[in-house]
Amino acid sequence: MKEKILICKKCEIMQSVPEDIAEYADRLYRLLDTKDRAADSLMEERLLICEKCEKHEGGTCLSCGCYTIVRVMKKDSRCPQKKW
């Protein structure tokens, strides 16, 4: 059975997928209020967990459809698989 790929309804970034996700993520990070940003060490820790996850493919979380780089940058974000 083919797994359904979900699109995140919270961030709605799929409406205009950028050609360069790293540049897009950097711009979003700079727009986040500093009190809402995850620390660099926390983002790195989260990304390592995501990269090892069976639901992670090509920088995208197949559980929710978000780009993982975008999900990890907000301090109060949660993993849809409850891994972080």
C-alpha atoms as a PDB file:
ATOM      1  CA  MET A   1       0.000   0.000   0.000  1.00  0.00           C
ATOM      2  CA  LYS A   2       1.414   3.387  -0.993  1.00  0.00           C
ATOM      3  CA  GLU A   3       1.915   5.805   1.894  1.00  0.00           C
ATOM      4  CA  LYS A   4      -0.055   9.038   1.631  1.00  0.00           C
ATOM      5  CA  ILE A   5       2.146  12.120   1.757  1.00  0.00           C
ATOM      6  CA  LEU A   6       0.571  14.812   3.883  1.00  0.00           C
ATOM      7  CA  ILE A   7       0.994  18.539   3.487  1.00  0.00           C
ATOM      8  CA  CYS A   8       1.418  20.554   6.654  1.00  0.00           C
ATOM      9  CA  LYS A   9      -1.637  22.729   7.180  1.00  0.00           C
ATOM     10  CA  LYS A  10       0.076  24.858   9.857  1.00  0.00           C
ATOM     11  CA  CYS A  11       2.831  26.430   7.828  1.00  0.00           C
ATOM     12  CA  GLU A  12       1.260  26.074   4.382  1.00  0.00           C
ATOM     13  CA  ILE A  13       4.670  26.394   2.758  1.00  0.00           C
ATOM     14  CA  MET A  14       3.604  24.029   0.002  1.00  0.00           C
ATOM     15  CA  GLN A  15       1.580  26.859  -1.564  1.00  0.00           C
ATOM     16  CA  SER A  16       4.783  28.296  -2.988  1.00  0.00           C
ATOM     17  CA  VAL A  17       7.598  25.781  -2.790  1.00  0.00           C
ATOM     18  CA  PRO A  18      10.887  27.657  -3.084  1.00  0.00           C
ATOM     19  CA  GLU A  19      13.549  26.476  -5.472  1.00  0.00           C
ATOM     20  CA  ASP A  20      16.220  26.726  -2.768  1.00  0.00           C
ATOM     21  CA  ILE A  21      14.824  25.488   0.548  1.00  0.00           C
ATOM     22  CA  ALA A  22      18.010  26.421   2.428  1.00  0.00           C
ATOM     23  CA  GLU A  23      17.676  30.051   1.362  1.00  0.00           C
ATOM     24  CA  TYR A  24      13.963  30.003   2.187  1.00  0.00           C
ATOM     25  CA  ALA A  25      14.588  28.467   5.621  1.00  0.00           C
ATOM     26  CA  ASP A  26      17.274  31.055   6.346  1.00  0.00           C
ATOM     27  CA  ARG A  27      14.855  33.858   5.495  1.00  0.00           C
ATOM     28  CA  LEU A  28      12.136  32.335   7.707  1.00  0.00           C
ATOM     29  CA  TYR A  29      14.608  31.917  10.567  1.00  0.00           C
ATOM     30  CA  ARG A  30      15.591  35.587  10.399  1.00  0.00           C
ATOM     31  CA  LEU A  31      11.907  36.571  10.438  1.00  0.00           C
ATOM     32  CA  LEU A  32      11.212  34.561  13.608  1.00  0.00           C
ATOM     33  CA  ASP A  33      11.249  36.571  16.801  1.00  0.00           C
ATOM     34  CA  THR A  34      14.404  35.625  18.725  1.00  0.00           C
ATOM     35  CA  LYS A  35      12.331  34.410  21.688  1.00  0.00           C
ATOM     36  CA  ASP A  36      10.612  31.892  19.373  1.00  0.00           C
ATOM     37  CA  ARG A  37      13.802  30.518  17.797  1.00  0.00           C
ATOM     38  CA  ALA A  38      15.275  27.215  18.868  1.00  0.00           C
ATOM     39  CA  ALA A  39      18.931  27.374  19.888  1.00  0.00           C
ATOM     40  CA  ASP A  40      21.389  26.244  17.214  1.00  0.00           C
ATOM     41  CA  SER A  41      22.339  23.211  19.295  1.00  0.00           C
ATOM     42  CA  LEU A  42      18.673  22.210  19.651  1.00  0.00           C
ATOM     43  CA  MET A  43      18.090  22.557  15.912  1.00  0.00           C
ATOM     44  CA  GLU A  44      21.130  20.399  15.168  1.00  0.00           C
ATOM     45  CA  GLU A  45      19.991  17.767  17.670  1.00  0.00           C
ATOM     46  CA  ARG A  46      16.507  17.680  16.131  1.00  0.00           C
ATOM     47  CA  LEU A  47      17.851  17.457  12.572  1.00  0.00           C
ATOM     48  CA  LEU A  48      20.057  14.499  13.501  1.00  0.00           C
ATOM     49  CA  ILE A  49      17.014  12.690  14.881  1.00  0.00           C
ATOM     50  CA  CYS A  50      14.996  13.537  11.768  1.00  0.00           C
ATOM     51  CA  GLU A  51      17.727  12.336   9.416  1.00  0.00           C
ATOM     52  CA  LYS A  52      17.705   8.908  11.099  1.00  0.00           C
ATOM     53  CA  CYS A  53      13.904   8.622  11.003  1.00  0.00           C
ATOM     54  CA  GLU A  54      12.176   6.274   8.571  1.00  0.00           C
ATOM     55  CA  LYS A  55       9.614   9.022   7.873  1.00  0.00           C
ATOM     56  CA  HIS A  56      12.303  11.460   6.663  1.00  0.00           C
ATOM     57  CA  GLU A  57      13.015  11.648   2.955  1.00  0.00           C
ATOM     58  CA  GLY A  58      14.785  14.327   0.981  1.00  0.00           C
ATOM     59  CA  GLY A  59      14.525  16.908   3.752  1.00  0.00           C
ATOM     60  CA  THR A  60      10.797  16.357   4.141  1.00  0.00           C
ATOM     61  CA  CYS A  61       8.861  14.745   6.975  1.00  0.00           C
ATOM     62  CA  LEU A  62       6.518  12.211   5.406  1.00  0.00           C
ATOM     63  CA  SER A  63       4.337  12.251   8.535  1.00  0.00           C
ATOM     64  CA  CYS A  64       3.278  15.872   8.160  1.00  0.00           C
ATOM     65  CA  GLY A  65       4.719  17.095   4.866  1.00  0.00           C
ATOM     66  CA  CYS A  66       6.890  19.846   6.363  1.00  0.00           C
ATOM     67  CA  TYR A  67      10.461  20.564   5.437  1.00  0.00           C
ATOM     68  CA  THR A  68      12.333  19.368   8.508  1.00  0.00           C
ATOM     69  CA  ILE A  69      14.691  22.351   8.445  1.00  0.00           C
ATOM     70  CA  VAL A  70      11.667  24.622   8.874  1.00  0.00           C
ATOM     71  CA  ARG A  71      10.039  22.528  11.608  1.00  0.00           C
ATOM     72  CA  VAL A  72      13.153  22.316  13.796  1.00  0.00           C
ATOM     73  CA  MET A  73      13.808  26.057  13.923  1.00  0.00           C
ATOM     74  CA  LYS A  74      10.864  27.070  16.088  1.00  0.00           C
ATOM     75  CA  LYS A  75      11.429  26.513  19.789  1.00  0.00           C
ATOM     76  CA  ASP A  76       7.962  25.110  20.531  1.00  0.00           C
ATOM     77  CA  SER A  77       7.725  22.818  17.468  1.00  0.00           C
ATOM     78  CA  ARG A  78       7.172  19.129  18.058  1.00  0.00           C
ATOM     79  CA  CYS A  79       7.960  16.052  16.003  1.00  0.00           C
ATOM     80  CA  PRO A  80       4.776  14.439  14.646  1.00  0.00           C
ATOM     81  CA  GLN A  81       6.353  11.060  15.482  1.00  0.00           C
ATOM     82  CA  LYS A  82       7.076  12.260  19.047  1.00  0.00           C
ATOM     83  CA  LYS A  83      10.812  11.634  18.643  1.00  0.00           C
ATOM     84  CA  TRP A  84      11.744  15.098  19.916  1.00  0.00           C
END
